């Protein structure tokens, strides 16, 4: 059985409620969901039943419906499960859950990568955006870009899949310039040339001065999103340099 790994607690509440995040990620999903006393398909069905009975029909139920689908619950089975539970806990709850289930089971089966991406997207306020095709040549791995503001100051949400990082690069300016990074979800790294990498978690802020060679990207096993704030300046431009090698990345991300 594949190990269940959950990071939503730390992604969303790690700084605000670290103990709750620990119970959520390490106990509920870490120990409970990985207990072999019940197979994952049965555990998924029981979880859907419990949430539906409690009247919870928000994103948490949608996540567990996706989980049930990906652990082998068929469309015919989920329809029978929801119908059966509705007789005992209320017909309106059945309608509410069917609206979610119909959407999920009519979609193509989600891969583990899709589930992780969706969970990451739900952990932050800002959208992931579209594939970052315009800058794909300067990234190792997949990245996504969502413009947040392009007036007064440019603000973009940049999302990296696990292991993705951009090339070494420099922000140049005749006056002012540079960039500010604010982590909004997941976990990643920032490294300035000649210095150890700095780990970034939600709420962490990095100030990048013009003329500094650096890179930033996701941890090997975590999605990562940061706001990139373009500091106004005169004659600003980016100089893209060589990729961060696998050896450099492994050394930096392992401390």
C-alpha atoms as a PDB file:
ATOM      1  CA  UNK A   1       0.000   0.000   0.000  1.00  0.00           C
ATOM      2  CA  UNK A   2       1.387   3.396  -0.985  1.00  0.00           C
ATOM      3  CA  UNK A   3       2.135   5.636   1.969  1.00  0.00           C
ATOM      4  CA  UNK A   4      -0.300   8.512   2.500  1.00  0.00           C
ATOM      5  CA  UNK A   5       1.546  11.816   2.953  1.00  0.00           C
ATOM      6  CA  UNK A   6      -0.311  14.987   3.905  1.00  0.00           C
ATOM      7  CA  UNK A   7       1.158  18.499   4.189  1.00  0.00           C
ATOM      8  CA  UNK A   8      -1.983  20.677   4.150  1.00  0.00           C
ATOM      9  CA  UNK A   9      -1.840  21.272   7.901  1.00  0.00           C
ATOM     10  CA  UNK A  10       1.636  22.746   7.817  1.00  0.00           C
ATOM     11  CA  UNK A  11       1.004  24.556   4.524  1.00  0.00           C
ATOM     12  CA  UNK A  12      -2.039  26.389   5.876  1.00  0.00           C
ATOM     13  CA  UNK A  13      -1.641  26.426   9.674  1.00  0.00           C
ATOM     14  CA  UNK A  14       2.012  25.593  10.285  1.00  0.00           C
ATOM     15  CA  UNK A  15       2.880  28.992  11.718  1.00  0.00           C
ATOM     16  CA  UNK A  16      -0.520  29.787  13.294  1.00  0.00           C
ATOM     17  CA  UNK A  17      -1.329  26.420  14.905  1.00  0.00           C
ATOM     18  CA  UNK A  18       1.709  24.122  14.671  1.00  0.00           C
ATOM     19  CA  UNK A  19       0.312  21.506  17.055  1.00  0.00           C
ATOM     20  CA  UNK A  20      -2.941  21.198  15.089  1.00  0.00           C
ATOM     21  CA  UNK A  21      -0.880  20.977  11.876  1.00  0.00           C
ATOM     22  CA  UNK A  22       1.170  18.175  13.463  1.00  0.00           C
ATOM     23  CA  UNK A  23      -1.947  16.222  14.482  1.00  0.00           C
ATOM     24  CA  UNK A  24      -3.457  16.704  11.013  1.00  0.00           C
ATOM     25  CA  UNK A  25      -0.401  15.744   8.941  1.00  0.00           C
ATOM     26  CA  UNK A  26       1.435  13.278  11.183  1.00  0.00           C
ATOM     27  CA  UNK A  27      -1.326  11.616  13.219  1.00  0.00           C
ATOM     28  CA  UNK A  28      -4.613  11.793  11.299  1.00  0.00           C
ATOM     29  CA  UNK A  29      -3.103  11.287   7.834  1.00  0.00           C
ATOM     30  CA  UNK A  30       0.322  10.004   8.824  1.00  0.00           C
ATOM     31  CA  UNK A  31      -0.574   7.267  11.346  1.00  0.00           C
ATOM     32  CA  UNK A  32      -4.333   6.758  10.994  1.00  0.00           C
ATOM     33  CA  UNK A  33      -4.569   6.712   7.195  1.00  0.00           C
ATOM     34  CA  UNK A  34      -1.500   4.482   6.918  1.00  0.00           C
ATOM     35  CA  UNK A  35      -2.831   1.930   9.407  1.00  0.00           C
ATOM     36  CA  UNK A  36      -3.261  -1.376   7.550  1.00  0.00           C
ATOM     37  CA  UNK A  37      -6.266  -2.536   9.596  1.00  0.00           C
ATOM     38  CA  UNK A  38      -8.598  -1.099   6.932  1.00  0.00           C
ATOM     39  CA  UNK A  39      -7.820  -0.901   3.223  1.00  0.00           C
ATOM     40  CA  UNK A  40      -7.757   2.559   1.644  1.00  0.00           C
ATOM     41  CA  UNK A  41     -10.917   2.045  -0.418  1.00  0.00           C
ATOM     42  CA  UNK A  42     -12.954   1.136   2.674  1.00  0.00           C
ATOM     43  CA  UNK A  43     -11.356   3.955   4.680  1.00  0.00           C
ATOM     44  CA  UNK A  44     -12.251   6.431   1.912  1.00  0.00           C
ATOM     45  CA  UNK A  45     -15.894   5.266   1.877  1.00  0.00           C
ATOM     46  CA  UNK A  46     -16.147   5.563   5.678  1.00  0.00           C
ATOM     47  CA  UNK A  47     -14.694   9.084   5.549  1.00  0.00           C
ATOM     48  CA  UNK A  48     -17.171  10.202   2.880  1.00  0.00           C
ATOM     49  CA  UNK A  49     -20.022   8.725   4.945  1.00  0.00           C
ATOM     50  CA  UNK A  50     -18.853  10.493   8.105  1.00  0.00           C
ATOM     51  CA  UNK A  51     -18.472  13.888   6.419  1.00  0.00           C
ATOM     52  CA  UNK A  52     -21.814  13.597   4.610  1.00  0.00           C
ATOM     53  CA  UNK A  53     -23.545  12.603   7.848  1.00  0.00           C
ATOM     54  CA  UNK A  54     -22.060  15.668   9.541  1.00  0.00           C
ATOM     55  CA  UNK A  55     -23.366  17.932   6.781  1.00  0.00           C
ATOM     56  CA  UNK A  56     -19.867  18.893   5.600  1.00  0.00           C
ATOM     57  CA  UNK A  57     -20.030  19.525   1.861  1.00  0.00           C
ATOM     58  CA  UNK A  58     -17.101  21.906   1.368  1.00  0.00           C
ATOM     59  CA  UNK A  59     -13.651  21.377  -0.187  1.00  0.00           C
ATOM     60  CA  UNK A  60     -12.725  18.772   2.438  1.00  0.00           C
ATOM     61  CA  UNK A  61     -15.514  16.461   1.246  1.00  0.00           C
ATOM     62  CA  UNK A  62     -14.551  17.100  -2.370  1.00  0.00           C
ATOM     63  CA  UNK A  63     -10.990  16.078  -1.542  1.00  0.00           C
ATOM     64  CA  UNK A  64     -12.191  12.846   0.081  1.00  0.00           C
ATOM     65  CA  UNK A  65     -14.526  12.087  -2.835  1.00  0.00           C
ATOM     66  CA  UNK A  66     -11.513  12.455  -5.148  1.00  0.00           C
ATOM     67  CA  UNK A  67      -9.599  10.231  -2.760  1.00  0.00           C
ATOM     68  CA  UNK A  68     -12.354   7.610  -2.905  1.00  0.00           C
ATOM     69  CA  UNK A  69     -12.384   7.681  -6.695  1.00  0.00           C
ATOM     70  CA  UNK A  70      -8.627   7.288  -6.869  1.00  0.00           C
ATOM     71  CA  UNK A  71      -8.734   4.379  -4.418  1.00  0.00           C
ATOM     72  CA  UNK A  72     -11.096   2.410  -6.636  1.00  0.00           C
ATOM     73  CA  UNK A  73     -14.641   3.516  -5.770  1.00  0.00           C
ATOM     74  CA  UNK A  74     -16.637   3.387  -9.004  1.00  0.00           C
ATOM     75  CA  UNK A  75     -19.400   5.738 -10.131  1.00  0.00           C
ATOM     76  CA  UNK A  76     -21.966   2.989  -9.538  1.00  0.00           C
ATOM     77  CA  UNK A  77     -20.628   2.366  -6.028  1.00  0.00           C
ATOM     78  CA  UNK A  78     -20.540   6.038  -4.968  1.00  0.00           C
ATOM     79  CA  UNK A  79     -24.096   6.531  -6.254  1.00  0.00           C
ATOM     80  CA  UNK A  80     -25.295   3.583  -4.143  1.00  0.00           C
ATOM     81  CA  UNK A  81     -23.296   4.776  -1.113  1.00  0.00           C
ATOM     82  CA  UNK A  82     -24.701   8.319  -1.207  1.00  0.00           C
ATOM     83  CA  UNK A  83     -28.264   7.074  -1.803  1.00  0.00           C
ATOM     84  CA  UNK A  84     -28.043   4.655   1.135  1.00  0.00           C
ATOM     85  CA  UNK A  85     -26.642   7.280   3.527  1.00  0.00           C
ATOM     86  CA  UNK A  86     -29.229   9.869   2.403  1.00  0.00           C
ATOM     87  CA  UNK A  87     -32.051   7.678   3.755  1.00  0.00           C
ATOM     88  CA  UNK A  88     -30.518   7.904   7.229  1.00  0.00           C
ATOM     89  CA  UNK A  89     -29.031  11.414   7.393  1.00  0.00           C
ATOM     90  CA  UNK A  90     -31.307  13.464   5.127  1.00  0.00           C
ATOM     91  CA  UNK A  91     -32.249  13.818   1.466  1.00  0.00           C
ATOM     92  CA  UNK A  92     -30.882  17.395   1.095  1.00  0.00           C
ATOM     93  CA  UNK A  93     -27.449  16.123   2.159  1.00  0.00           C
ATOM     94  CA  UNK A  94     -27.684  13.509  -0.541  1.00  0.00           C
ATOM     95  CA  UNK A  95     -28.389  16.160  -3.182  1.00  0.00           C
ATOM     96  CA  UNK A  96     -25.466  18.276  -1.963  1.00  0.00           C
ATOM     97  CA  UNK A  97     -23.014  15.373  -2.115  1.00  0.00           C
ATOM     98  CA  UNK A  98     -24.301  14.155  -5.475  1.00  0.00           C
ATOM     99  CA  UNK A  99     -23.583  17.596  -6.942  1.00  0.00           C
ATOM    100  CA  UNK A 100     -19.919  17.168  -5.952  1.00  0.00           C
ATOM    101  CA  UNK A 101     -19.682  13.482  -6.832  1.00  0.00           C
ATOM    102  CA  UNK A 102     -21.240  13.921 -10.288  1.00  0.00           C
ATOM    103  CA  UNK A 103     -18.625  16.541 -11.142  1.00  0.00           C
ATOM    104  CA  UNK A 104     -15.761  14.358  -9.927  1.00  0.00           C
ATOM    105  CA  UNK A 105     -16.780  11.030 -11.456  1.00  0.00           C
ATOM    106  CA  UNK A 106     -17.483  12.642 -14.839  1.00  0.00           C
ATOM    107  CA  UNK A 107     -13.896  13.920 -14.935  1.00  0.00           C
ATOM    108  CA  UNK A 108     -10.941  11.895 -16.136  1.00  0.00           C
ATOM    109  CA  UNK A 109      -9.362   9.918 -13.299  1.00  0.00           C
ATOM    110  CA  UNK A 110      -7.024  12.256 -11.452  1.00  0.00           C
ATOM    111  CA  UNK A 111      -3.385  11.293 -11.135  1.00  0.00           C
ATOM    112  CA  UNK A 112      -1.519  11.625  -7.862  1.00  0.00           C
ATOM    113  CA  UNK A 113       0.183  14.711  -9.320  1.00  0.00           C
ATOM    114  CA  UNK A 114      -3.228  16.252 -10.110  1.00  0.00           C
ATOM    115  CA  UNK A 115      -4.442  15.583  -6.569  1.00  0.00           C
ATOM    116  CA  UNK A 116      -1.335  17.174  -5.063  1.00  0.00           C
ATOM    117  CA  UNK A 117      -1.689  20.196  -7.348  1.00  0.00           C
ATOM    118  CA  UNK A 118      -5.361  20.613  -6.379  1.00  0.00           C
ATOM    119  CA  UNK A 119      -4.556  20.300  -2.680  1.00  0.00           C
ATOM    120  CA  UNK A 120      -1.812  22.912  -3.071  1.00  0.00           C
ATOM    121  CA  UNK A 121      -4.165  25.266  -4.925  1.00  0.00           C
ATOM    122  CA  UNK A 122      -6.759  24.957  -2.155  1.00  0.00           C
ATOM    123  CA  UNK A 123      -4.144  25.778   0.477  1.00  0.00           C
ATOM    124  CA  UNK A 124      -3.631  29.376  -0.702  1.00  0.00           C
ATOM    125  CA  UNK A 125      -5.642  32.491  -1.559  1.00  0.00           C
ATOM    126  CA  UNK A 126      -3.968  33.179  -4.890  1.00  0.00           C
ATOM    127  CA  UNK A 127      -4.587  31.220  -8.111  1.00  0.00           C
ATOM    128  CA  UNK A 128      -1.941  28.905  -9.550  1.00  0.00           C
ATOM    129  CA  UNK A 129      -2.507  30.376 -12.992  1.00  0.00           C
ATOM    130  CA  UNK A 130      -1.520  29.071 -16.410  1.00  0.00           C
ATOM    131  CA  UNK A 131       1.571  27.053 -17.358  1.00  0.00           C
ATOM    132  CA  UNK A 132       4.548  29.402 -17.426  1.00  0.00           C
ATOM    133  CA  UNK A 133       5.311  28.650 -21.085  1.00  0.00           C
ATOM    134  CA  UNK A 134       6.863  32.022 -21.883  1.00  0.00           C
ATOM    135  CA  UNK A 135       9.673  31.365 -19.389  1.00  0.00           C
ATOM    136  CA  UNK A 136       9.811  27.562 -19.641  1.00  0.00           C
ATOM    137  CA  UNK A 137      13.320  27.703 -21.126  1.00  0.00           C
ATOM    138  CA  UNK A 138      14.576  29.197 -17.845  1.00  0.00           C
ATOM    139  CA  UNK A 139      13.035  26.587 -15.525  1.00  0.00           C
ATOM    140  CA  UNK A 140      13.926  22.976 -14.720  1.00  0.00           C
ATOM    141  CA  UNK A 141      10.498  21.353 -14.299  1.00  0.00           C
ATOM    142  CA  UNK A 142       6.972  22.710 -14.598  1.00  0.00           C
ATOM    143  CA  UNK A 143       6.017  26.137 -13.302  1.00  0.00           C
ATOM    144  CA  UNK A 144       2.837  28.219 -13.387  1.00  0.00           C
ATOM    145  CA  UNK A 145       2.274  31.981 -13.463  1.00  0.00           C
ATOM    146  CA  UNK A 146      -0.688  34.045 -12.240  1.00  0.00           C
ATOM    147  CA  UNK A 147      -0.558  37.858 -12.621  1.00  0.00           C
ATOM    148  CA  UNK A 148      -1.947  39.427  -9.435  1.00  0.00           C
ATOM    149  CA  UNK A 149      -1.294  43.093 -10.267  1.00  0.00           C
ATOM    150  CA  UNK A 150       0.378  44.808 -13.194  1.00  0.00           C
ATOM    151  CA  UNK A 151      -0.385  48.393 -12.143  1.00  0.00           C
ATOM    152  CA  UNK A 152       2.044  50.542 -10.114  1.00  0.00           C
ATOM    153  CA  UNK A 153       4.013  47.479  -8.993  1.00  0.00           C
ATOM    154  CA  UNK A 154       4.114  44.123 -10.774  1.00  0.00           C
ATOM    155  CA  UNK A 155       2.986  41.247  -8.517  1.00  0.00           C
ATOM    156  CA  UNK A 156       2.903  37.672  -9.811  1.00  0.00           C
ATOM    157  CA  UNK A 157       2.158  34.366  -8.106  1.00  0.00           C
ATOM    158  CA  UNK A 158       4.730  31.831  -9.288  1.00  0.00           C
ATOM    159  CA  UNK A 159       4.076  28.151  -8.560  1.00  0.00           C
ATOM    160  CA  UNK A 160       6.662  25.375  -8.857  1.00  0.00           C
ATOM    161  CA  UNK A 161       5.969  21.655  -8.976  1.00  0.00           C
ATOM    162  CA  UNK A 162       8.124  19.530  -6.610  1.00  0.00           C
ATOM    163  CA  UNK A 163      11.787  19.766  -7.620  1.00  0.00           C
ATOM    164  CA  UNK A 164      11.214  22.630 -10.065  1.00  0.00           C
ATOM    165  CA  UNK A 165      13.540  25.634  -9.907  1.00  0.00           C
ATOM    166  CA  UNK A 166      14.500  28.506 -12.151  1.00  0.00           C
ATOM    167  CA  UNK A 167      17.969  29.103 -13.601  1.00  0.00           C
ATOM    168  CA  UNK A 168      20.561  31.239 -11.945  1.00  0.00           C
ATOM    169  CA  UNK A 169      19.670  34.807 -12.858  1.00  0.00           C
ATOM    170  CA  UNK A 170      20.313  38.459 -12.043  1.00  0.00           C
ATOM    171  CA  UNK A 171      17.931  41.421 -11.803  1.00  0.00           C
ATOM    172  CA  UNK A 172      19.703  44.444 -13.259  1.00  0.00           C
ATOM    173  CA  UNK A 173      18.748  48.107 -12.865  1.00  0.00           C
ATOM    174  CA  UNK A 174      20.414  51.462 -13.358  1.00  0.00           C
ATOM    175  CA  UNK A 175      18.508  52.712 -10.329  1.00  0.00           C
ATOM    176  CA  UNK A 176      16.188  50.950  -7.829  1.00  0.00           C
ATOM    177  CA  UNK A 177      14.979  47.585  -9.035  1.00  0.00           C
ATOM    178  CA  UNK A 178      15.345  44.121  -7.594  1.00  0.00           C
ATOM    179  CA  UNK A 179      12.639  41.744  -6.434  1.00  0.00           C
ATOM    180  CA  UNK A 180      10.800  40.653  -3.285  1.00  0.00           C
ATOM    181  CA  UNK A 181       9.651  37.044  -2.810  1.00  0.00           C
ATOM    182  CA  UNK A 182       6.849  36.186  -0.362  1.00  0.00           C
ATOM    183  CA  UNK A 183       6.073  32.496   0.140  1.00  0.00           C
ATOM    184  CA  UNK A 184       2.302  31.893   0.143  1.00  0.00           C
ATOM    185  CA  UNK A 185       2.100  28.077   0.112  1.00  0.00           C
ATOM    186  CA  UNK A 186       4.231  24.960   0.230  1.00  0.00           C
ATOM    187  CA  UNK A 187       7.966  24.897   0.782  1.00  0.00           C
ATOM    188  CA  UNK A 188      10.963  25.910  -1.311  1.00  0.00           C
ATOM    189  CA  UNK A 189      14.410  27.450  -1.388  1.00  0.00           C
ATOM    190  CA  UNK A 190      16.198  30.664  -2.296  1.00  0.00           C
ATOM    191  CA  UNK A 191      19.932  30.713  -2.858  1.00  0.00           C
ATOM    192  CA  UNK A 192      22.300  33.595  -3.505  1.00  0.00           C
ATOM    193  CA  UNK A 193      25.521  32.806  -5.337  1.00  0.00           C
ATOM    194  CA  UNK A 194      28.266  31.819  -2.898  1.00  0.00           C
ATOM    195  CA  UNK A 195      25.903  31.448   0.071  1.00  0.00           C
ATOM    196  CA  UNK A 196      23.908  28.549   1.568  1.00  0.00           C
ATOM    197  CA  UNK A 197      20.334  28.077   0.399  1.00  0.00           C
ATOM    198  CA  UNK A 198      17.567  29.558   2.550  1.00  0.00           C
ATOM    199  CA  UNK A 199      14.405  27.517   3.115  1.00  0.00           C
ATOM    200  CA  UNK A 200      11.105  29.315   2.452  1.00  0.00           C
ATOM    201  CA  UNK A 201       7.805  28.480   4.145  1.00  0.00           C
ATOM    202  CA  UNK A 202       4.479  30.390   4.083  1.00  0.00           C
ATOM    203  CA  UNK A 203       4.990  33.937   5.336  1.00  0.00           C
ATOM    204  CA  UNK A 204       8.743  34.033   4.678  1.00  0.00           C
ATOM    205  CA  UNK A 205       9.995  37.055   2.744  1.00  0.00           C
ATOM    206  CA  UNK A 206      13.196  37.417   0.710  1.00  0.00           C
ATOM    207  CA  UNK A 207      14.585  40.767  -0.497  1.00  0.00           C
ATOM    208  CA  UNK A 208      16.704  40.407  -3.644  1.00  0.00           C
ATOM    209  CA  UNK A 209      18.941  43.328  -4.440  1.00  0.00           C
ATOM    210  CA  UNK A 210      19.769  44.215  -8.067  1.00  0.00           C
ATOM    211  CA  UNK A 211      22.984  42.678  -9.358  1.00  0.00           C
ATOM    212  CA  UNK A 212      22.742  39.559  -7.133  1.00  0.00           C
ATOM    213  CA  UNK A 213      23.031  36.169  -8.845  1.00  0.00           C
ATOM    214  CA  UNK A 214      20.481  33.743  -7.402  1.00  0.00           C
ATOM    215  CA  UNK A 215      17.820  31.061  -7.997  1.00  0.00           C
ATOM    216  CA  UNK A 216      14.635  29.943  -6.252  1.00  0.00           C
ATOM    217  CA  UNK A 217      12.371  26.920  -6.502  1.00  0.00           C
ATOM    218  CA  UNK A 218      10.449  24.123  -4.799  1.00  0.00           C
ATOM    219  CA  UNK A 219      11.604  21.515  -2.339  1.00  0.00           C
ATOM    220  CA  UNK A 220      12.070  18.073  -3.871  1.00  0.00           C
ATOM    221  CA  UNK A 221       8.841  16.689  -2.397  1.00  0.00           C
ATOM    222  CA  UNK A 222       6.640  19.773  -2.042  1.00  0.00           C
ATOM    223  CA  UNK A 223       4.755  22.182  -4.278  1.00  0.00           C
ATOM    224  CA  UNK A 224       5.825  25.790  -3.741  1.00  0.00           C
ATOM    225  CA  UNK A 225       4.248  29.173  -4.494  1.00  0.00           C
ATOM    226  CA  UNK A 226       5.599  32.651  -3.907  1.00  0.00           C
ATOM    227  CA  UNK A 227       4.536  36.139  -4.839  1.00  0.00           C
ATOM    228  CA  UNK A 228       7.199  37.858  -6.938  1.00  0.00           C
ATOM    229  CA  UNK A 229       7.036  41.608  -6.377  1.00  0.00           C
ATOM    230  CA  UNK A 230       8.916  43.616  -8.986  1.00  0.00           C
ATOM    231  CA  UNK A 231      10.593  46.579  -7.288  1.00  0.00           C
ATOM    232  CA  UNK A 232      10.257  49.684  -9.499  1.00  0.00           C
ATOM    233  CA  UNK A 233      13.452  51.057 -10.960  1.00  0.00           C
ATOM    234  CA  UNK A 234      15.125  52.534 -14.005  1.00  0.00           C
ATOM    235  CA  UNK A 235      16.282  50.409 -16.970  1.00  0.00           C
ATOM    236  CA  UNK A 236      15.313  47.132 -15.257  1.00  0.00           C
ATOM    237  CA  UNK A 237      15.909  43.804 -16.985  1.00  0.00           C
ATOM    238  CA  UNK A 238      16.580  40.172 -16.095  1.00  0.00           C
ATOM    239  CA  UNK A 239      19.705  38.307 -17.156  1.00  0.00           C
ATOM    240  CA  UNK A 240      19.019  34.563 -17.319  1.00  0.00           C
ATOM    241  CA  UNK A 241      22.071  32.375 -16.766  1.00  0.00           C
ATOM    242  CA  UNK A 242      22.901  28.666 -16.529  1.00  0.00           C
ATOM    243  CA  UNK A 243      20.498  26.093 -15.040  1.00  0.00           C
ATOM    244  CA  UNK A 244      20.924  24.924 -11.463  1.00  0.00           C
ATOM    245  CA  UNK A 245      22.420  21.455 -11.862  1.00  0.00           C
ATOM    246  CA  UNK A 246      20.965  18.426 -10.097  1.00  0.00           C
ATOM    247  CA  UNK A 247      24.113  18.279  -7.960  1.00  0.00           C
ATOM    248  CA  UNK A 248      23.837  21.950  -6.946  1.00  0.00           C
ATOM    249  CA  UNK A 249      20.143  21.536  -6.188  1.00  0.00           C
ATOM    250  CA  UNK A 250      20.625  18.376  -4.107  1.00  0.00           C
ATOM    251  CA  UNK A 251      23.432  19.989  -2.100  1.00  0.00           C
ATOM    252  CA  UNK A 252      21.455  23.197  -1.500  1.00  0.00           C
ATOM    253  CA  UNK A 253      18.127  21.567  -0.666  1.00  0.00           C
ATOM    254  CA  UNK A 254      19.760  19.112   1.729  1.00  0.00           C
ATOM    255  CA  UNK A 255      21.381  21.939   3.661  1.00  0.00           C
END
